[in-house]
Amino acid sequence: MKERARSQDFLALYNMTTHSLHELEVRTQSIGTQLSNIQNDLTMKFHETERRDNLTFAHLHDIEREREATENRNNLTFLRIQQQINNSTEQVAMTAHLTSTSSASGILKFDNIKFSIGINNLAVYRSTGKFVCERKGLYLISSSIRSNSNAGNYYIYLNGNIISETRSGYLSSPPSSMYHTGTVVLALQLHPSDSVWVYNPGYTMHGGMWSTLTIVKVK
């Protein structure tokens, strides 16, 4: 009887141990499931945080690119405004006379320069008689030439094209000592490398202070 009692006690202890182990296994599985859920939740939160960080970084990058683009536009606008100010305030002018009387057809060289400012190629102008624009702008071209040739005239050329014809005077029966002065004033929009010159088709054009060419950049 004692042996049977001990066996029953052992069986009961075994059953209790088995039951406890089963409960422990269930709790362990539950804890594992909870840990797995927590891990999954943390992974999802990490990915969401990473995605938000990437979006934030991309947004900040876009903001920086827009800032740089705006800064570049502002710099270009400032440079254009500064260039316009420089162009509008820079001084370009010249007044010159014919050195000697000329009767030959060709370009009249007003090479006796009385005043000039803002012109770098004066040596080329003296040798060719052609004013070559160095700075874009609105120019006034004024020419006044004295001649004793009846019906004498002269032309102003721009880049090889006649833009003005001026007659110094005309008499049906002119006396031999009659003198005339033909004057013209033109407004031109000139660009760099544009060339302007005065052309004599073959009349007598008097030199000295009688004949003057003035070129002024007004804007």
N, C-alpha and C. Protein backbone atom coordinates (compact mmCIF):
# COMPACT_ATOMS: atom_id res chain seq x y z
N MET A 1 0.83 -1.20 0.00
CA MET A 1 0.00 0.00 0.00
C MET A 1 0.88 1.26 0.00
N LYS A 2 1.95 1.16 0.80
CA LYS A 2 2.86 2.30 0.81
C LYS A 2 3.47 2.51 -0.56
N GLU A 3 3.81 1.38 -1.23
CA GLU A 3 4.39 1.50 -2.54
C GLU A 3 3.42 2.12 -3.53
N ARG A 4 2.14 1.68 -3.45
CA ARG A 4 1.14 2.25 -4.35
C ARG A 4 0.93 3.73 -4.06
N ALA A 5 0.97 4.09 -2.78
CA ALA A 5 0.79 5.50 -2.42
C ALA A 5 1.93 6.34 -2.99
N ARG A 6 3.16 5.79 -2.86
CA ARG A 6 4.30 6.53 -3.39
C ARG A 6 4.22 6.64 -4.91
N SER A 7 3.76 5.56 -5.55
CA SER A 7 3.63 5.60 -7.00
C SER A 7 2.61 6.64 -7.42
N GLN A 8 1.49 6.68 -6.66
CA GLN A 8 0.45 7.68 -7.00
C GLN A 8 0.99 9.09 -6.78
N ASP A 9 1.75 9.25 -5.68
CA ASP A 9 2.33 10.58 -5.43
C ASP A 9 3.30 10.96 -6.55
N PHE A 10 4.10 10.00 -6.98
CA PHE A 10 5.06 10.25 -8.04
C PHE A 10 4.34 10.60 -9.34
N LEU A 11 3.23 9.84 -9.61
CA LEU A 11 2.45 10.11 -10.81
C LEU A 11 1.85 11.50 -10.77
N ALA A 12 1.33 11.84 -9.58
CA ALA A 12 0.73 13.20 -9.46
C ALA A 12 1.79 14.27 -9.66
N LEU A 13 2.98 14.04 -9.07
CA LEU A 13 4.09 15.00 -9.23
C LEU A 13 4.50 15.09 -10.69
N TYR A 14 4.55 13.95 -11.35
CA TYR A 14 4.90 13.92 -12.78
C TYR A 14 3.89 14.71 -13.59
N ASN A 15 2.58 14.46 -13.27
CA ASN A 15 1.54 15.18 -14.01
C ASN A 15 1.64 16.69 -13.78
N MET A 16 1.91 17.07 -12.53
CA MET A 16 2.03 18.49 -12.21
C MET A 16 3.23 19.09 -12.96
N THR A 17 4.32 18.31 -12.99
CA THR A 17 5.52 18.81 -13.67
C THR A 17 5.26 18.96 -15.16
N THR A 18 4.59 17.93 -15.73
CA THR A 18 4.26 18.00 -17.15
C THR A 18 3.36 19.18 -17.45
N HIS A 19 2.38 19.38 -16.57
CA HIS A 19 1.46 20.51 -16.77
C HIS A 19 2.20 21.84 -16.66
N SER A 20 3.11 21.90 -15.69
CA SER A 20 3.87 23.16 -15.52
C SER A 20 4.75 23.43 -16.74
N LEU A 21 5.38 22.32 -17.24
CA LEU A 21 6.22 22.48 -18.42
C LEU A 21 5.39 22.93 -19.63
N HIS A 22 4.20 22.38 -19.72
CA HIS A 22 3.33 22.78 -20.83
C HIS A 22 2.93 24.26 -20.72
N GLU A 23 2.59 24.67 -19.49
CA GLU A 23 2.24 26.08 -19.29
C GLU A 23 3.43 26.98 -19.58
N LEU A 24 4.63 26.49 -19.17
CA LEU A 24 5.84 27.27 -19.42
C LEU A 24 6.08 27.39 -20.92
N GLU A 25 5.87 26.29 -21.64
CA GLU A 25 6.05 26.31 -23.07
C GLU A 25 5.05 27.26 -23.74
N VAL A 26 3.80 27.22 -23.26
CA VAL A 26 2.78 28.12 -23.81
C VAL A 26 3.16 29.57 -23.57
N ARG A 27 3.59 29.85 -22.31
CA ARG A 27 3.99 31.23 -21.98
C ARG A 27 5.20 31.66 -22.79
N THR A 28 6.14 30.68 -22.98
CA THR A 28 7.33 30.99 -23.77
C THR A 28 6.96 31.33 -25.21
N GLN A 29 6.05 30.51 -25.76
CA GLN A 29 5.59 30.79 -27.11
C GLN A 29 4.89 32.15 -27.19
N SER A 30 4.08 32.44 -26.14
CA SER A 30 3.38 33.73 -26.11
C SER A 30 4.37 34.89 -26.06
N ILE A 31 5.39 34.71 -25.20
CA ILE A 31 6.41 35.76 -25.08
C ILE A 31 7.15 35.91 -26.41
N GLY A 32 7.45 34.74 -27.06
CA GLY A 32 8.13 34.81 -28.35
C GLY A 32 7.29 35.53 -29.39
N THR A 33 5.96 35.22 -29.35
CA THR A 33 5.06 35.91 -30.28
C THR A 33 5.04 37.41 -30.01
N GLN A 34 4.97 37.78 -28.73
CA GLN A 34 4.97 39.20 -28.36
C GLN A 34 6.27 39.87 -28.79
N LEU A 35 7.41 39.16 -28.51
CA LEU A 35 8.69 39.72 -28.93
C LEU A 35 8.75 39.89 -30.45
N SER A 36 8.24 38.87 -31.18
CA SER A 36 8.22 38.97 -32.64
C SER A 36 7.36 40.15 -33.10
N ASN A 37 6.19 40.33 -32.45
CA ASN A 37 5.33 41.46 -32.80
C ASN A 37 6.01 42.79 -32.51
N ILE A 38 6.69 42.81 -31.34
CA ILE A 38 7.41 44.04 -30.98
C ILE A 38 8.51 44.33 -32.00
N GLN A 39 9.23 43.24 -32.38
CA GLN A 39 10.28 43.42 -33.37
C GLN A 39 9.72 43.91 -34.70
N ASN A 40 8.60 43.29 -35.12
CA ASN A 40 7.97 43.72 -36.37
C ASN A 40 7.51 45.17 -36.28
N ASP A 41 6.94 45.52 -35.14
CA ASP A 41 6.47 46.89 -34.95
C ASP A 41 7.63 47.87 -34.98
N LEU A 42 8.74 47.49 -34.30
CA LEU A 42 9.92 48.35 -34.31
C LEU A 42 10.49 48.47 -35.73
N THR A 43 10.50 47.34 -36.46
CA THR A 43 11.01 47.37 -37.84
C THR A 43 10.15 48.29 -38.71
N MET A 44 8.82 48.18 -38.56
CA MET A 44 7.92 49.05 -39.33
C MET A 44 8.14 50.51 -38.96
N LYS A 45 8.28 50.76 -37.63
CA LYS A 45 8.51 52.15 -37.21
C LYS A 45 9.85 52.66 -37.72
N PHE A 46 10.86 51.78 -37.72
CA PHE A 46 12.17 52.18 -38.24
C PHE A 46 12.08 52.53 -39.72
N HIS A 47 11.40 51.65 -40.49
CA HIS A 47 11.25 51.91 -41.92
C HIS A 47 10.45 53.19 -42.17
N GLU A 48 9.42 53.41 -41.37
CA GLU A 48 8.63 54.63 -41.52
C GLU A 48 9.46 55.86 -41.19
N THR A 49 10.25 55.75 -40.12
CA THR A 49 11.12 56.87 -39.75
C THR A 49 12.17 57.12 -40.85
N GLU A 50 12.73 56.00 -41.38
CA GLU A 50 13.70 56.12 -42.46
C GLU A 50 13.07 56.77 -43.69
N ARG A 51 11.83 56.36 -44.00
CA ARG A 51 11.14 56.93 -45.16
C ARG A 51 10.90 58.42 -44.95
N ARG A 52 10.45 58.79 -43.73
CA ARG A 52 10.23 60.21 -43.45
C ARG A 52 11.54 60.99 -43.52
N ASP A 53 12.62 60.37 -43.02
CA ASP A 53 13.92 61.05 -43.07
C ASP A 53 14.36 61.25 -44.52
N ASN A 54 14.11 60.21 -45.34
CA ASN A 54 14.47 60.33 -46.76
C ASN A 54 13.66 61.42 -47.44
N LEU A 55 12.35 61.46 -47.11
CA LEU A 55 11.51 62.51 -47.68
C LEU A 55 11.96 63.88 -47.21
N THR A 56 12.31 63.95 -45.92
CA THR A 56 12.78 65.23 -45.37
C THR A 56 14.08 65.66 -46.04
N PHE A 57 14.99 64.68 -46.21
CA PHE A 57 16.26 64.99 -46.86
C PHE A 57 16.03 65.44 -48.30
N ALA A 58 15.14 64.70 -48.99
CA ALA A 58 14.85 65.09 -50.39
C ALA A 58 14.22 66.48 -50.44
N HIS A 59 13.34 66.77 -49.47
CA HIS A 59 12.71 68.09 -49.43
C HIS A 59 13.74 69.18 -49.15
N LEU A 60 14.64 68.88 -48.20
CA LEU A 60 15.70 69.85 -47.90
C LEU A 60 16.61 70.03 -49.11
N HIS A 61 16.87 68.93 -49.84
CA HIS A 61 17.69 69.03 -51.04
C HIS A 61 17.01 69.89 -52.10
N ASP A 62 15.68 69.69 -52.24
CA ASP A 62 14.93 70.51 -53.19
C ASP A 62 14.96 71.98 -52.79
N ILE A 63 14.82 72.21 -51.48
CA ILE A 63 14.86 73.59 -50.98
C ILE A 63 16.22 74.22 -51.27
N GLU A 64 17.30 73.44 -51.07
CA GLU A 64 18.64 73.95 -51.31
C GLU A 64 18.85 74.24 -52.79
N ARG A 65 18.36 73.33 -53.65
CA ARG A 65 18.48 73.57 -55.09
C ARG A 65 17.69 74.80 -55.51
N GLU A 66 16.49 74.97 -54.95
CA GLU A 66 15.69 76.15 -55.27
C GLU A 66 16.37 77.42 -54.77
N ARG A 67 16.99 77.31 -53.58
CA ARG A 67 17.71 78.48 -53.04
C ARG A 67 18.87 78.86 -53.95
N GLU A 68 19.63 77.82 -54.39
CA GLU A 68 20.75 78.08 -55.29
C GLU A 68 20.27 78.65 -56.61
N ALA A 69 19.15 78.10 -57.14
CA ALA A 69 18.61 78.61 -58.40
C ALA A 69 18.16 80.07 -58.24
N THR A 70 17.50 80.36 -57.12
CA THR A 70 17.06 81.73 -56.85
C THR A 70 18.25 82.67 -56.72
N GLU A 71 19.29 82.19 -56.03
CA GLU A 71 20.49 83.01 -55.86
C GLU A 71 21.16 83.28 -57.21
N ASN A 72 21.21 82.23 -58.05
CA ASN A 72 21.81 82.42 -59.38
C ASN A 72 21.00 83.40 -60.22
N ARG A 73 19.64 83.27 -60.14
CA ARG A 73 18.80 84.22 -60.88
C ARG A 73 19.00 85.64 -60.37
N ASN A 74 19.10 85.77 -59.05
CA ASN A 74 19.31 87.10 -58.48
C ASN A 74 20.66 87.68 -58.91
N ASN A 75 21.68 86.79 -58.93
CA ASN A 75 23.00 87.25 -59.35
C ASN A 75 23.00 87.69 -60.81
N LEU A 76 22.32 86.89 -61.66
CA LEU A 76 22.25 87.25 -63.08
C LEU A 76 21.48 88.55 -63.27
N THR A 77 20.38 88.70 -62.50
CA THR A 77 19.60 89.94 -62.59
C THR A 77 20.44 91.12 -62.16
N PHE A 78 21.21 90.94 -61.07
CA PHE A 78 22.07 92.02 -60.58
C PHE A 78 23.12 92.37 -61.62
N LEU A 79 23.72 91.32 -62.24
CA LEU A 79 24.75 91.58 -63.25
C LEU A 79 24.16 92.31 -64.45
N ARG A 80 22.94 91.89 -64.86
CA ARG A 80 22.30 92.58 -66.00
C ARG A 80 22.01 94.03 -65.65
N ILE A 81 21.48 94.24 -64.45
CA ILE A 81 21.18 95.62 -64.04
C ILE A 81 22.47 96.44 -63.97
N GLN A 82 23.53 95.82 -63.39
CA GLN A 82 24.80 96.53 -63.29
C GLN A 82 25.35 96.85 -64.67
N GLN A 83 25.21 95.88 -65.61
CA GLN A 83 25.69 96.11 -66.96
C GLN A 83 24.90 97.21 -67.64
N GLN A 84 23.57 97.22 -67.42
CA GLN A 84 22.74 98.28 -67.99
C GLN A 84 23.14 99.64 -67.43
N ILE A 85 23.42 99.66 -66.12
CA ILE A 85 23.85 100.93 -65.51
C ILE A 85 25.18 101.38 -66.11
N ASN A 86 26.10 100.41 -66.24
CA ASN A 86 27.41 100.75 -66.82
C ASN A 86 27.27 101.24 -68.25
N ASN A 87 26.40 100.54 -69.02
CA ASN A 87 26.22 100.93 -70.42
C ASN A 87 25.58 102.31 -70.53
N SER A 88 24.66 102.61 -69.62
CA SER A 88 23.95 103.89 -69.71
C SER A 88 24.78 105.06 -69.19
N THR A 89 25.80 104.77 -68.37
CA THR A 89 26.59 105.85 -67.78
C THR A 89 27.96 106.03 -68.42
N GLU A 90 28.42 105.04 -69.20
CA GLU A 90 29.74 105.17 -69.80
C GLU A 90 29.71 106.25 -70.89
N GLN A 91 30.79 107.00 -70.98
CA GLN A 91 30.88 108.12 -71.90
C GLN A 91 31.67 107.72 -73.15
N VAL A 92 31.05 107.99 -74.29
CA VAL A 92 31.71 107.78 -75.58
C VAL A 92 31.40 109.00 -76.44
N ALA A 93 32.44 109.68 -76.89
CA ALA A 93 32.22 110.89 -77.71
C ALA A 93 33.49 111.21 -78.49
N MET A 94 33.27 111.89 -79.61
CA MET A 94 34.40 112.32 -80.43
C MET A 94 33.97 113.49 -81.30
N THR A 95 34.85 114.47 -81.43
CA THR A 95 34.68 115.57 -82.37
C THR A 95 35.99 115.72 -83.15
N ALA A 96 35.86 115.73 -84.49
CA ALA A 96 37.06 115.78 -85.33
C ALA A 96 36.78 116.63 -86.56
N HIS A 97 37.86 117.14 -87.14
CA HIS A 97 37.79 117.96 -88.36
C HIS A 97 38.57 117.29 -89.48
N LEU A 98 38.21 117.69 -90.71
CA LEU A 98 39.03 117.29 -91.85
C LEU A 98 40.36 118.04 -91.78
N THR A 99 41.44 117.29 -91.94
CA THR A 99 42.75 117.93 -91.88
C THR A 99 43.00 118.83 -93.10
N SER A 100 42.57 118.36 -94.27
CA SER A 100 42.83 119.12 -95.48
C SER A 100 41.65 118.99 -96.43
N THR A 101 41.62 119.92 -97.40
CA THR A 101 40.56 119.90 -98.41
C THR A 101 40.75 118.68 -99.32
N SER A 102 39.62 118.06 -99.66
CA SER A 102 39.69 116.86 -100.49
C SER A 102 38.68 116.96 -101.62
N SER A 103 39.12 116.56 -102.81
CA SER A 103 38.23 116.53 -103.98
C SER A 103 38.11 115.12 -104.55
N ALA A 104 38.85 114.19 -104.00
CA ALA A 104 38.84 112.81 -104.52
C ALA A 104 37.66 112.05 -103.92
N SER A 105 37.12 111.15 -104.72
CA SER A 105 36.05 110.31 -104.18
C SER A 105 36.63 109.30 -103.20
N GLY A 106 35.89 109.03 -102.16
CA GLY A 106 36.34 108.07 -101.15
C GLY A 106 35.90 108.48 -99.76
N ILE A 107 36.34 107.73 -98.76
CA ILE A 107 35.99 108.01 -97.37
C ILE A 107 36.69 109.28 -96.91
N LEU A 108 35.91 110.18 -96.31
CA LEU A 108 36.49 111.40 -95.74
C LEU A 108 37.07 111.07 -94.37
N LYS A 109 38.35 111.38 -94.19
CA LYS A 109 39.03 111.07 -92.94
C LYS A 109 39.08 112.33 -92.06
N PHE A 110 38.19 112.36 -91.08
CA PHE A 110 38.20 113.45 -90.10
C PHE A 110 39.26 113.08 -89.06
N ASP A 111 40.52 113.22 -89.43
CA ASP A 111 41.60 112.70 -88.59
C ASP A 111 42.19 113.73 -87.63
N ASN A 112 41.70 114.97 -87.69
CA ASN A 112 42.15 115.99 -86.73
C ASN A 112 41.19 115.94 -85.53
N ILE A 113 41.46 115.03 -84.61
CA ILE A 113 40.56 114.80 -83.47
C ILE A 113 40.78 115.87 -82.41
N LYS A 114 39.75 116.66 -82.15
CA LYS A 114 39.83 117.72 -81.17
C LYS A 114 39.45 117.24 -79.76
N PHE A 115 38.57 116.25 -79.72
CA PHE A 115 38.14 115.74 -78.41
C PHE A 115 37.67 114.30 -78.59
N SER A 116 38.01 113.46 -77.62
CA SER A 116 37.50 112.09 -77.62
C SER A 116 37.51 111.55 -76.19
N ILE A 117 36.57 110.65 -75.92
CA ILE A 117 36.50 109.98 -74.63
C ILE A 117 35.83 108.61 -74.83
N GLY A 118 36.38 107.61 -74.18
CA GLY A 118 35.78 106.28 -74.23
C GLY A 118 35.98 105.55 -75.53
N ILE A 119 36.95 105.97 -76.38
CA ILE A 119 37.22 105.32 -77.66
C ILE A 119 38.65 104.80 -77.63
N ASN A 120 38.81 103.50 -77.84
CA ASN A 120 40.14 102.89 -77.75
C ASN A 120 40.85 102.79 -79.09
N ASN A 121 40.08 102.72 -80.19
CA ASN A 121 40.70 102.47 -81.49
C ASN A 121 40.82 103.74 -82.32
N LEU A 122 41.29 104.81 -81.72
CA LEU A 122 41.44 106.07 -82.45
C LEU A 122 42.46 105.96 -83.57
N ALA A 123 43.52 105.18 -83.36
CA ALA A 123 44.54 105.03 -84.40
C ALA A 123 43.94 104.39 -85.65
N VAL A 124 43.09 103.38 -85.45
CA VAL A 124 42.43 102.74 -86.59
C VAL A 124 41.49 103.73 -87.26
N TYR A 125 40.78 104.52 -86.46
CA TYR A 125 39.86 105.50 -87.04
C TYR A 125 40.62 106.53 -87.88
N ARG A 126 41.74 107.03 -87.36
CA ARG A 126 42.51 108.03 -88.12
C ARG A 126 42.97 107.49 -89.47
N SER A 127 43.37 106.23 -89.49
CA SER A 127 43.94 105.68 -90.72
C SER A 127 42.87 105.25 -91.72
N THR A 128 41.69 104.88 -91.25
CA THR A 128 40.65 104.37 -92.17
C THR A 128 39.50 105.35 -92.38
N GLY A 129 39.28 106.25 -91.42
CA GLY A 129 38.13 107.15 -91.51
C GLY A 129 36.83 106.49 -91.07
N LYS A 130 36.90 105.23 -90.61
CA LYS A 130 35.70 104.50 -90.19
C LYS A 130 35.63 104.47 -88.66
N PHE A 131 34.48 104.92 -88.14
CA PHE A 131 34.25 104.81 -86.70
C PHE A 131 33.66 103.42 -86.44
N VAL A 132 34.39 102.62 -85.65
CA VAL A 132 33.94 101.27 -85.32
C VAL A 132 33.42 101.28 -83.88
N CYS A 133 32.15 100.92 -83.74
CA CYS A 133 31.51 100.95 -82.42
C CYS A 133 32.14 99.91 -81.50
N GLU A 134 32.46 100.34 -80.29
CA GLU A 134 33.01 99.43 -79.28
C GLU A 134 31.99 99.10 -78.19
N ARG A 135 31.03 100.00 -78.00
CA ARG A 135 30.05 99.83 -76.93
C ARG A 135 28.64 100.03 -77.48
N LYS A 136 27.80 99.07 -77.26
CA LYS A 136 26.42 99.13 -77.73
C LYS A 136 25.70 100.32 -77.11
N GLY A 137 24.85 100.97 -77.91
CA GLY A 137 24.08 102.08 -77.37
C GLY A 137 23.41 102.92 -78.44
N LEU A 138 22.74 103.96 -77.99
CA LEU A 138 22.10 104.92 -78.88
C LEU A 138 23.07 106.07 -79.14
N TYR A 139 23.35 106.34 -80.41
CA TYR A 139 24.35 107.33 -80.78
C TYR A 139 23.72 108.44 -81.62
N LEU A 140 24.29 109.64 -81.49
CA LEU A 140 24.00 110.75 -82.38
C LEU A 140 25.22 110.97 -83.28
N ILE A 141 24.97 111.00 -84.58
CA ILE A 141 26.03 111.24 -85.56
C ILE A 141 25.73 112.57 -86.24
N SER A 142 26.65 113.51 -86.14
CA SER A 142 26.45 114.83 -86.72
C SER A 142 27.64 115.16 -87.62
N SER A 143 27.32 115.56 -88.85
CA SER A 143 28.38 115.94 -89.80
C SER A 143 28.02 117.28 -90.44
N SER A 144 29.00 118.16 -90.50
CA SER A 144 28.82 119.47 -91.14
C SER A 144 30.05 119.74 -92.01
N ILE A 145 29.83 119.85 -93.33
CA ILE A 145 30.95 119.96 -94.27
C ILE A 145 30.72 121.14 -95.20
N ARG A 146 31.78 121.95 -95.36
CA ARG A 146 31.70 123.09 -96.29
C ARG A 146 32.27 122.70 -97.64
N SER A 147 31.57 123.18 -98.70
CA SER A 147 32.01 122.89 -100.07
C SER A 147 31.70 124.08 -100.96
N ASN A 148 32.54 124.28 -101.97
CA ASN A 148 32.23 125.30 -102.98
C ASN A 148 31.84 124.65 -104.30
N SER A 149 31.56 123.32 -104.27
CA SER A 149 31.07 122.62 -105.46
C SER A 149 29.57 122.77 -105.53
N ASN A 150 29.09 123.27 -106.64
CA ASN A 150 27.64 123.42 -106.80
C ASN A 150 26.99 122.03 -106.81
N ALA A 151 25.94 121.89 -106.01
CA ALA A 151 25.22 120.63 -105.87
C ALA A 151 26.08 119.54 -105.26
N GLY A 152 27.14 119.98 -104.56
CA GLY A 152 27.99 119.00 -103.90
C GLY A 152 27.23 118.24 -102.81
N ASN A 153 27.47 116.97 -102.71
CA ASN A 153 26.80 116.19 -101.68
C ASN A 153 27.75 115.15 -101.11
N TYR A 154 27.35 114.58 -99.98
CA TYR A 154 28.14 113.51 -99.37
C TYR A 154 27.18 112.52 -98.70
N TYR A 155 27.69 111.32 -98.43
CA TYR A 155 26.86 110.25 -97.86
C TYR A 155 27.41 109.82 -96.51
N ILE A 156 26.53 109.29 -95.70
CA ILE A 156 26.94 108.59 -94.48
C ILE A 156 26.58 107.12 -94.66
N TYR A 157 27.55 106.28 -94.39
CA TYR A 157 27.38 104.83 -94.53
C TYR A 157 27.33 104.17 -93.15
N LEU A 158 26.53 103.12 -93.05
CA LEU A 158 26.52 102.24 -91.89
C LEU A 158 26.70 100.81 -92.39
N ASN A 159 27.84 100.24 -92.07
CA ASN A 159 28.13 98.85 -92.46
C ASN A 159 27.99 98.64 -93.97
N GLY A 160 28.43 99.63 -94.73
CA GLY A 160 28.42 99.50 -96.18
C GLY A 160 27.14 99.94 -96.85
N ASN A 161 26.17 100.40 -96.09
CA ASN A 161 24.88 100.84 -96.65
C ASN A 161 24.71 102.34 -96.45
N ILE A 162 24.24 103.03 -97.49
CA ILE A 162 23.99 104.47 -97.38
C ILE A 162 22.76 104.70 -96.50
N ILE A 163 22.92 105.51 -95.46
CA ILE A 163 21.79 105.83 -94.58
C ILE A 163 21.46 107.32 -94.61
N SER A 164 22.28 108.12 -95.31
CA SER A 164 22.00 109.55 -95.37
C SER A 164 22.72 110.16 -96.56
N GLU A 165 22.05 111.09 -97.24
CA GLU A 165 22.66 111.88 -98.31
C GLU A 165 22.40 113.35 -98.03
N THR A 166 23.46 114.13 -98.00
CA THR A 166 23.34 115.55 -97.65
C THR A 166 23.94 116.40 -98.78
N ARG A 167 23.16 117.38 -99.22
CA ARG A 167 23.62 118.28 -100.28
C ARG A 167 24.02 119.61 -99.62
N SER A 168 25.19 120.10 -100.02
CA SER A 168 25.68 121.33 -99.42
C SER A 168 25.02 122.57 -100.01
N GLY A 169 24.54 122.51 -101.23
CA GLY A 169 23.88 123.68 -101.82
C GLY A 169 23.75 123.52 -103.32
N TYR A 170 22.86 124.35 -103.88
CA TYR A 170 22.67 124.27 -105.33
C TYR A 170 22.26 125.64 -105.85
N LEU A 171 22.96 126.09 -106.90
CA LEU A 171 22.61 127.34 -107.59
C LEU A 171 22.55 127.05 -109.08
N SER A 172 21.54 127.62 -109.76
CA SER A 172 21.43 127.39 -111.21
C SER A 172 22.56 128.10 -111.96
N SER A 173 22.99 129.26 -111.46
CA SER A 173 24.12 129.98 -112.06
C SER A 173 25.03 130.42 -110.93
N PRO A 174 25.79 129.53 -110.39
CA PRO A 174 26.56 129.88 -109.20
C PRO A 174 27.77 130.73 -109.53
N PRO A 175 28.07 131.69 -108.68
CA PRO A 175 29.35 132.40 -108.81
C PRO A 175 30.48 131.48 -108.37
N SER A 176 31.66 131.76 -108.80
CA SER A 176 32.80 130.87 -108.52
C SER A 176 33.20 130.88 -107.05
N SER A 177 32.86 131.94 -106.31
CA SER A 177 33.29 132.04 -104.92
C SER A 177 32.20 131.67 -103.93
N MET A 178 31.13 131.04 -104.36
CA MET A 178 30.03 130.70 -103.47
C MET A 178 30.40 129.46 -102.65
N TYR A 179 30.20 129.56 -101.34
CA TYR A 179 30.47 128.43 -100.44
C TYR A 179 29.16 128.00 -99.79
N HIS A 180 29.05 126.70 -99.52
CA HIS A 180 27.86 126.14 -98.89
C HIS A 180 28.30 125.17 -97.79
N THR A 181 27.44 124.99 -96.83
CA THR A 181 27.68 124.01 -95.76
C THR A 181 26.48 123.08 -95.67
N GLY A 182 26.74 121.80 -95.77
CA GLY A 182 25.69 120.80 -95.62
C GLY A 182 25.82 120.09 -94.28
N THR A 183 24.73 120.05 -93.51
CA THR A 183 24.75 119.48 -92.16
C THR A 183 23.69 118.41 -92.02
N VAL A 184 24.03 117.36 -91.31
CA VAL A 184 23.08 116.28 -91.04
C VAL A 184 23.30 115.78 -89.62
N VAL A 185 22.20 115.41 -88.95
CA VAL A 185 22.25 114.82 -87.60
C VAL A 185 21.41 113.54 -87.63
N LEU A 186 22.01 112.43 -87.23
CA LEU A 186 21.33 111.13 -87.25
C LEU A 186 21.35 110.51 -85.86
N ALA A 187 20.30 109.75 -85.57
CA ALA A 187 20.26 108.91 -84.36
C ALA A 187 20.37 107.46 -84.81
N LEU A 188 21.32 106.73 -84.23
CA LEU A 188 21.56 105.35 -84.63
C LEU A 188 21.69 104.46 -83.40
N GLN A 189 21.13 103.26 -83.50
CA GLN A 189 21.38 102.23 -82.50
C GLN A 189 22.54 101.38 -83.00
N LEU A 190 23.68 101.53 -82.35
CA LEU A 190 24.88 100.83 -82.80
C LEU A 190 25.22 99.67 -81.88
N HIS A 191 25.80 98.65 -82.49
CA HIS A 191 26.26 97.48 -81.77
C HIS A 191 27.77 97.33 -81.98
N PRO A 192 28.43 96.60 -81.11
CA PRO A 192 29.87 96.41 -81.28
C PRO A 192 30.21 95.90 -82.68
N SER A 193 31.24 96.50 -83.26
CA SER A 193 31.76 96.19 -84.60
C SER A 193 30.97 96.88 -85.72
N ASP A 194 29.88 97.59 -85.42
CA ASP A 194 29.23 98.40 -86.45
C ASP A 194 30.19 99.51 -86.90
N SER A 195 30.17 99.80 -88.18
CA SER A 195 31.07 100.82 -88.73
C SER A 195 30.26 101.95 -89.36
N VAL A 196 30.69 103.18 -89.09
CA VAL A 196 30.06 104.38 -89.64
C VAL A 196 31.16 105.23 -90.28
N TRP A 197 30.87 105.75 -91.49
CA TRP A 197 31.84 106.64 -92.13
C TRP A 197 31.14 107.61 -93.07
N VAL A 198 31.87 108.66 -93.44
CA VAL A 198 31.37 109.70 -94.36
C VAL A 198 32.09 109.51 -95.70
N TYR A 199 31.30 109.59 -96.77
CA TYR A 199 31.84 109.31 -98.10
C TYR A 199 31.64 110.51 -99.03
N ASN A 200 32.70 110.88 -99.72
CA ASN A 200 32.67 111.97 -100.70
C ASN A 200 32.63 111.36 -102.10
N PRO A 201 31.57 111.60 -102.87
CA PRO A 201 31.49 111.01 -104.22
C PRO A 201 32.39 111.71 -105.23
N GLY A 202 33.09 112.80 -104.82
CA GLY A 202 34.03 113.43 -105.75
C GLY A 202 33.92 114.94 -105.80
N TYR A 203 33.26 115.56 -104.82
CA TYR A 203 33.15 117.02 -104.77
C TYR A 203 34.26 117.59 -103.88
N THR A 204 34.45 118.90 -103.99
CA THR A 204 35.46 119.54 -103.17
C THR A 204 34.91 119.78 -101.77
N MET A 205 35.53 119.13 -100.77
CA MET A 205 35.14 119.27 -99.38
C MET A 205 36.27 119.96 -98.63
N HIS A 206 35.95 121.08 -97.99
CA HIS A 206 36.99 121.91 -97.37
C HIS A 206 37.39 121.36 -96.01
N GLY A 207 38.71 121.40 -95.77
CA GLY A 207 39.25 120.97 -94.50
C GLY A 207 39.28 122.09 -93.47
N GLY A 208 39.89 121.82 -92.34
CA GLY A 208 39.96 122.80 -91.26
C GLY A 208 38.71 122.76 -90.41
N MET A 209 38.48 123.85 -89.68
CA MET A 209 37.34 123.91 -88.77
C MET A 209 36.02 124.07 -89.50
N TRP A 210 36.08 124.23 -90.85
CA TRP A 210 34.82 124.37 -91.60
C TRP A 210 34.03 123.06 -91.61
N SER A 211 34.71 121.96 -91.51
CA SER A 211 34.06 120.67 -91.67
C SER A 211 34.29 119.82 -90.41
N THR A 212 33.21 119.37 -89.82
CA THR A 212 33.28 118.71 -88.51
C THR A 212 32.44 117.43 -88.51
N LEU A 213 32.94 116.42 -87.80
CA LEU A 213 32.19 115.19 -87.53
C LEU A 213 32.16 114.98 -86.03
N THR A 214 30.95 114.78 -85.50
CA THR A 214 30.79 114.53 -84.06
C THR A 214 29.96 113.25 -83.86
N ILE A 215 30.47 112.42 -82.99
CA ILE A 215 29.77 111.17 -82.64
C ILE A 215 29.66 111.10 -81.12
N VAL A 216 28.43 110.92 -80.63
CA VAL A 216 28.21 110.90 -79.19
C VAL A 216 27.28 109.74 -78.82
N LYS A 217 27.68 108.98 -77.83
CA LYS A 217 26.78 107.95 -77.28
C LYS A 217 25.91 108.61 -76.22
N VAL A 218 24.60 108.61 -76.45
CA VAL A 218 23.70 109.32 -75.53
C VAL A 218 23.05 108.38 -74.53
N LYS A 219 23.05 107.08 -74.82
CA LYS A 219 22.45 106.14 -73.87
C LYS A 219 22.97 104.73 -74.15
